[in-house]
Amino acid sequence: MLADTTRVRPGVHPDAWDGSALVPQPGVDILHRIEPLWRQISLVGETAPPEVATTRLISLFSRAVEIALPTLLADDGAVPERFVLPVRGRLAQPPIARPVRRSVVLLRSRMTEPWTVGRLAAEVAVSRAHLTRVFTQQVGVAPMRFLIETRLAEFTRLIEETDLPIADASRQVGWNDARVAAVWFRKRFGITPTQYRRHPHPSCTGAMPCESCRGVCALTPVLEPVTRAVSRDSRRDAHIRRLS
C-alpha cells in the first residue's frame, strides 16, 4: 500500500521509520467517519460466530484503513477524496435507515438519559422489534449495547483527560452508580478506572514482577534466558490485546 516512498509522509514509511512514536493528525472529519468502525471492531467477537467475526473484522479494518490512508500520504500527493470501490450498489454500501440514524444521534447527544429500547423506539416512531432488528443489522450491536459503548468511550475520555472524581465522571455519562461504570470498564480494559487513570496506556516490560502494569497482567515467570526477549514480546502483545 505504501510502496512509493515519495508519496508517504516523512518518517511513516517502514523503510524510514526510526522506531519512535508516530502521532498522526487525521482531523475531526476523518475521526468522525472512522469512530463507528472502531466501535464495531471492538465488539466484533461478541456479536458473531468466529468465522463471521473474522471476515467482518477484515472488512471493517480495510474500511478504516481506507478512510485513514490520506493521513499517511504526503501533502503534495494526489489523494482522491473518495477511493474507487471495486463493487458498487446497495449491497456494497447499504444506506442507513432513518430510524437508525436518528437513534444514533439521540443516544450520543443524550447519553445521560435513562434510555430503554421502548422509549427510543417511541422517539423515532417505530416498533421496538423493528428498531432492534435494523439497528443491529446496520450498526453491528443492539441499541442499548451501543449506548453502553457510547457511555464507556466518553467515560474513558473523562478518566484520562480530566481530574473529575470517578463518581462524577460516571454520572456525566449517565451511570448514576459508579459501580456500574466500573463493571463495564473492567470488562473492557481488564483493570479498574482508578488503575487506568494511573497508567492510561499500560504495556508490559517483561520484568518480574511487572513494574509497568503493577501486577495487573499476572504474568508467569520466564525460566529460559535465551527465550526471554521473544517471550517478553509475546506476553506484552497478549497483555495489550486483553486490555483492549
Protein backbone atom coordinates (compact mmCIF):
# COMPACT_ATOMS: atom_id res chain seq x y z
CA MET A 1 0.00 0.00 0.00
CA LEU A 2 2.90 2.38 0.79
CA ALA A 3 5.18 1.12 -1.95
CA ASP A 4 6.04 4.59 -3.32
CA THR A 5 8.16 6.26 -0.63
CA THR A 6 7.84 9.65 -2.32
CA ARG A 7 4.09 9.71 -1.62
CA VAL A 8 4.40 8.94 2.10
CA ARG A 9 4.87 11.47 4.87
CA PRO A 10 8.45 11.65 6.22
CA GLY A 11 9.15 9.00 8.83
CA VAL A 12 5.99 6.99 8.19
CA HIS A 13 7.24 4.51 5.60
CA PRO A 14 8.57 1.28 7.17
CA ASP A 15 11.97 1.80 5.49
CA ALA A 16 12.27 5.29 7.03
CA TRP A 17 10.70 4.66 10.44
CA ASP A 18 13.21 5.02 13.30
CA GLY A 19 11.07 3.31 15.90
CA SER A 20 9.87 6.46 17.63
CA ALA A 21 6.20 7.14 18.31
CA LEU A 22 4.17 8.35 15.33
CA VAL A 23 1.29 10.73 16.10
CA PRO A 24 -0.94 11.14 13.02
CA GLN A 25 -3.31 14.10 12.94
CA PRO A 26 -6.16 12.89 10.75
CA GLY A 27 -8.55 15.71 11.59
CA VAL A 28 -12.01 15.70 13.11
CA ASP A 29 -13.79 14.71 9.90
CA ILE A 30 -11.78 11.51 9.46
CA LEU A 31 -12.12 10.67 13.15
CA HIS A 32 -15.90 11.08 12.96
CA ARG A 33 -16.01 8.74 9.96
CA ILE A 34 -13.72 6.12 11.46
CA GLU A 35 -15.09 6.07 15.04
CA PRO A 36 -18.10 3.85 14.22
CA LEU A 37 -15.73 1.35 12.61
CA TRP A 38 -13.50 1.30 15.70
CA ARG A 39 -16.53 0.64 17.85
CA GLN A 40 -17.73 -2.19 15.63
CA ILE A 41 -14.22 -3.68 15.54
CA SER A 42 -14.07 -3.64 19.33
CA LEU A 43 -17.28 -5.66 19.55
CA VAL A 44 -16.94 -7.96 16.56
CA GLY A 45 -16.02 -11.00 18.66
CA GLU A 46 -19.14 -10.61 20.80
CA THR A 47 -21.69 -10.27 18.01
CA ALA A 48 -20.97 -13.11 15.57
CA PRO A 49 -19.63 -16.69 15.30
CA PRO A 50 -15.82 -16.94 14.84
CA GLU A 51 -15.94 -17.44 11.07
CA VAL A 52 -18.26 -14.49 10.51
CA ALA A 53 -16.34 -12.39 13.04
CA THR A 54 -13.07 -12.97 11.17
CA THR A 55 -14.39 -11.89 7.79
CA ARG A 56 -16.23 -8.96 9.35
CA LEU A 57 -13.07 -7.85 11.14
CA ILE A 58 -11.13 -7.89 7.87
CA SER A 59 -13.86 -5.86 6.17
CA LEU A 60 -14.11 -3.28 8.96
CA PHE A 61 -10.34 -2.90 9.25
CA SER A 62 -10.00 -2.44 5.48
CA ARG A 63 -12.63 0.31 5.53
CA ALA A 64 -10.86 2.00 8.45
CA VAL A 65 -7.52 1.91 6.60
CA GLU A 66 -9.16 3.35 3.50
CA ILE A 67 -10.50 6.30 5.47
CA ALA A 68 -7.24 6.88 7.37
CA LEU A 69 -4.90 6.45 4.39
CA PRO A 70 -4.74 10.16 3.42
CA THR A 71 -3.24 10.87 6.84
CA LEU A 72 -0.17 8.82 5.88
CA LEU A 73 0.39 10.44 2.49
CA ALA A 74 2.49 13.49 1.74
CA ASP A 75 0.69 16.81 1.33
CA ASP A 76 1.72 17.11 -2.30
CA GLY A 77 0.37 13.68 -3.17
CA ALA A 78 -2.69 13.41 -5.36
CA VAL A 79 -5.06 11.95 -2.77
CA PRO A 80 -8.62 11.48 -4.01
CA GLU A 81 -11.38 12.45 -1.61
CA ARG A 82 -13.17 9.20 -2.35
CA PHE A 83 -11.48 5.94 -3.32
CA VAL A 84 -12.91 3.94 -6.18
CA LEU A 85 -14.57 0.78 -4.88
CA PRO A 86 -14.46 -2.42 -6.95
CA VAL A 87 -18.08 -3.13 -6.06
CA ARG A 88 -20.89 -0.61 -6.24
CA GLY A 89 -24.55 -0.61 -5.38
CA ARG A 90 -26.76 -1.05 -2.34
CA LEU A 91 -25.10 -4.31 -1.26
CA ALA A 92 -21.67 -2.66 -1.21
CA GLN A 93 -22.82 0.41 0.73
CA PRO A 94 -26.22 -0.20 2.32
CA PRO A 95 -27.94 3.05 3.29
CA ILE A 96 -28.51 3.75 6.98
CA ALA A 97 -32.21 3.71 7.75
CA ARG A 98 -33.60 6.97 9.07
CA PRO A 99 -34.77 5.47 12.41
CA VAL A 100 -31.29 4.05 12.97
CA ARG A 101 -29.56 7.30 12.07
CA ARG A 102 -31.91 9.23 14.36
CA SER A 103 -31.41 6.70 17.17
CA VAL A 104 -27.63 7.03 16.97
CA VAL A 105 -27.90 10.82 17.21
CA LEU A 106 -30.24 10.60 20.20
CA LEU A 107 -28.10 8.11 22.11
CA ARG A 108 -24.93 10.09 21.53
CA SER A 109 -26.33 13.53 22.24
CA ARG A 110 -28.46 12.48 25.23
CA MET A 111 -26.47 9.61 26.70
CA THR A 112 -27.18 10.73 30.27
CA GLU A 113 -30.88 9.95 29.97
CA PRO A 114 -32.33 6.62 31.22
CA TRP A 115 -32.94 5.10 27.80
CA THR A 116 -34.81 1.88 27.11
CA VAL A 117 -35.46 0.27 23.75
CA GLY A 118 -39.15 1.11 24.11
CA ARG A 119 -38.52 4.76 24.80
CA LEU A 120 -36.01 5.01 21.95
CA ALA A 121 -38.44 3.30 19.55
CA ALA A 122 -41.16 5.77 20.54
CA GLU A 123 -38.81 8.70 19.87
CA VAL A 124 -38.12 7.51 16.31
CA ALA A 125 -41.69 6.30 15.71
CA VAL A 126 -41.09 2.61 15.02
CA SER A 127 -41.75 -0.60 16.92
CA ARG A 128 -39.25 -1.98 19.38
CA ALA A 129 -38.76 -5.15 17.37
CA HIS A 130 -38.20 -3.29 14.10
CA LEU A 131 -35.74 -0.84 15.66
CA THR A 132 -33.75 -3.59 17.35
CA ARG A 133 -33.56 -5.60 14.12
CA VAL A 134 -32.49 -2.82 11.74
CA PHE A 135 -30.23 -1.15 14.31
CA THR A 136 -28.36 -4.40 14.95
CA GLN A 137 -28.08 -5.10 11.23
CA GLN A 138 -26.72 -1.67 10.31
CA VAL A 139 -24.70 -0.68 13.39
CA GLY A 140 -23.46 -4.10 14.45
CA VAL A 141 -24.84 -4.10 18.01
CA ALA A 142 -28.21 -3.66 19.67
CA PRO A 143 -29.32 -0.13 20.66
CA MET A 144 -28.67 -0.50 24.39
CA ARG A 145 -25.24 -2.05 23.79
CA PHE A 146 -24.46 0.89 21.53
CA LEU A 147 -25.45 3.19 24.40
CA ILE A 148 -23.13 1.33 26.76
CA GLU A 149 -20.24 1.67 24.32
CA THR A 150 -21.00 5.36 23.82
CA ARG A 151 -21.02 5.96 27.55
CA LEU A 152 -17.89 3.87 28.03
CA ALA A 153 -15.99 5.83 25.38
CA GLU A 154 -16.87 9.16 26.99
CA PHE A 155 -16.24 7.80 30.49
CA THR A 156 -12.77 6.65 29.41
CA ARG A 157 -12.03 10.07 27.94
CA LEU A 158 -13.06 11.79 31.17
CA ILE A 159 -10.92 9.42 33.23
CA GLU A 160 -7.88 10.01 31.04
CA GLU A 161 -8.22 13.70 30.17
CA THR A 162 -9.79 15.26 33.27
CA ASP A 163 -9.38 15.21 37.05
CA LEU A 164 -13.04 14.50 37.72
CA PRO A 165 -13.71 12.02 40.51
CA ILE A 166 -14.73 8.60 39.21
CA ALA A 167 -18.28 9.02 40.55
CA ASP A 168 -18.70 12.41 38.84
CA ALA A 169 -17.38 11.08 35.53
CA SER A 170 -19.81 8.17 35.82
CA ARG A 171 -22.77 10.49 36.37
CA GLN A 172 -21.76 12.70 33.45
CA VAL A 173 -22.21 9.81 31.03
CA GLY A 174 -25.48 8.55 32.51
CA TRP A 175 -24.37 5.96 35.08
CA ASN A 176 -25.58 7.25 38.43
CA ASP A 177 -23.92 4.34 40.20
CA ALA A 178 -20.13 4.40 39.76
CA ARG A 179 -20.06 0.66 40.40
CA VAL A 180 -21.92 0.08 37.14
CA ALA A 181 -19.35 2.15 35.28
CA ALA A 182 -16.53 0.23 36.97
CA VAL A 183 -18.03 -3.13 35.96
CA TRP A 184 -18.28 -2.19 32.29
CA PHE A 185 -14.87 -0.53 32.37
CA ARG A 186 -13.19 -3.59 33.86
CA LYS A 187 -14.96 -5.84 31.39
CA ARG A 188 -13.47 -3.81 28.53
CA PHE A 189 -9.97 -3.00 29.84
CA GLY A 190 -9.35 -5.65 32.49
CA ILE A 191 -8.49 -3.03 35.12
CA THR A 192 -10.39 -0.54 37.27
CA PRO A 193 -10.91 3.12 36.29
CA THR A 194 -8.51 4.17 39.05
CA GLN A 195 -5.79 1.85 37.76
CA TYR A 196 -6.35 3.12 34.24
CA ARG A 197 -6.05 6.72 35.42
CA ARG A 198 -2.64 5.94 36.93
CA HIS A 199 -1.45 4.08 33.83
CA PRO A 200 -3.72 5.02 30.88
CA HIS A 201 -1.65 3.12 28.30
CA PRO A 202 -0.11 0.15 30.10
CA SER A 203 2.47 -2.08 28.48
CA CYS A 204 4.47 -4.95 29.89
CA THR A 205 8.24 -4.72 30.16
CA GLY A 206 8.70 -8.39 30.95
CA ALA A 207 10.17 -7.64 34.39
CA MET A 208 9.17 -9.93 37.21
CA PRO A 209 7.16 -8.66 38.93
CA CYS A 210 5.85 -6.49 36.13
CA GLU A 211 6.69 -2.88 37.05
CA SER A 212 4.71 -1.32 34.21
CA CYS A 213 1.27 -2.75 34.88
CA ARG A 214 1.79 -3.29 38.64
CA GLY A 215 0.86 -6.93 38.54
CA VAL A 216 -2.39 -6.49 36.61
CA CYS A 217 -1.38 -9.00 33.98
CA ALA A 218 -0.21 -11.68 36.47
CA LEU A 219 2.47 -12.94 34.12
CA THR A 220 4.20 -16.28 34.55
CA PRO A 221 7.99 -16.05 35.05
CA VAL A 222 10.19 -16.98 32.09
CA LEU A 223 12.72 -19.63 33.05
CA GLU A 224 14.77 -19.83 29.87
CA PRO A 225 17.07 -16.75 29.48
CA VAL A 226 17.60 -17.48 25.78
CA THR A 227 13.90 -17.08 25.01
CA ARG A 228 13.31 -14.18 27.40
CA ALA A 229 13.20 -11.49 24.69
CA VAL A 230 10.78 -13.38 22.46
CA SER A 231 8.60 -14.43 25.38
CA ARG A 232 8.56 -10.89 26.75
CA ASP A 233 7.28 -9.53 23.44
CA SER A 234 4.66 -12.27 23.20
CA ARG A 235 3.44 -11.64 26.72
CA ARG A 236 3.34 -7.90 26.15
CA ASP A 237 1.27 -8.34 22.98
CA ALA A 238 -1.11 -10.69 24.76
CA HIS A 239 -1.42 -8.24 27.63
CA ILE A 240 -2.23 -5.35 25.30
CA ARG A 241 -4.81 -7.43 23.43
CA ARG A 242 -6.51 -8.33 26.69
CA LEU A 243 -6.66 -4.71 27.84
CA SER A 244 -8.07 -3.57 24.51
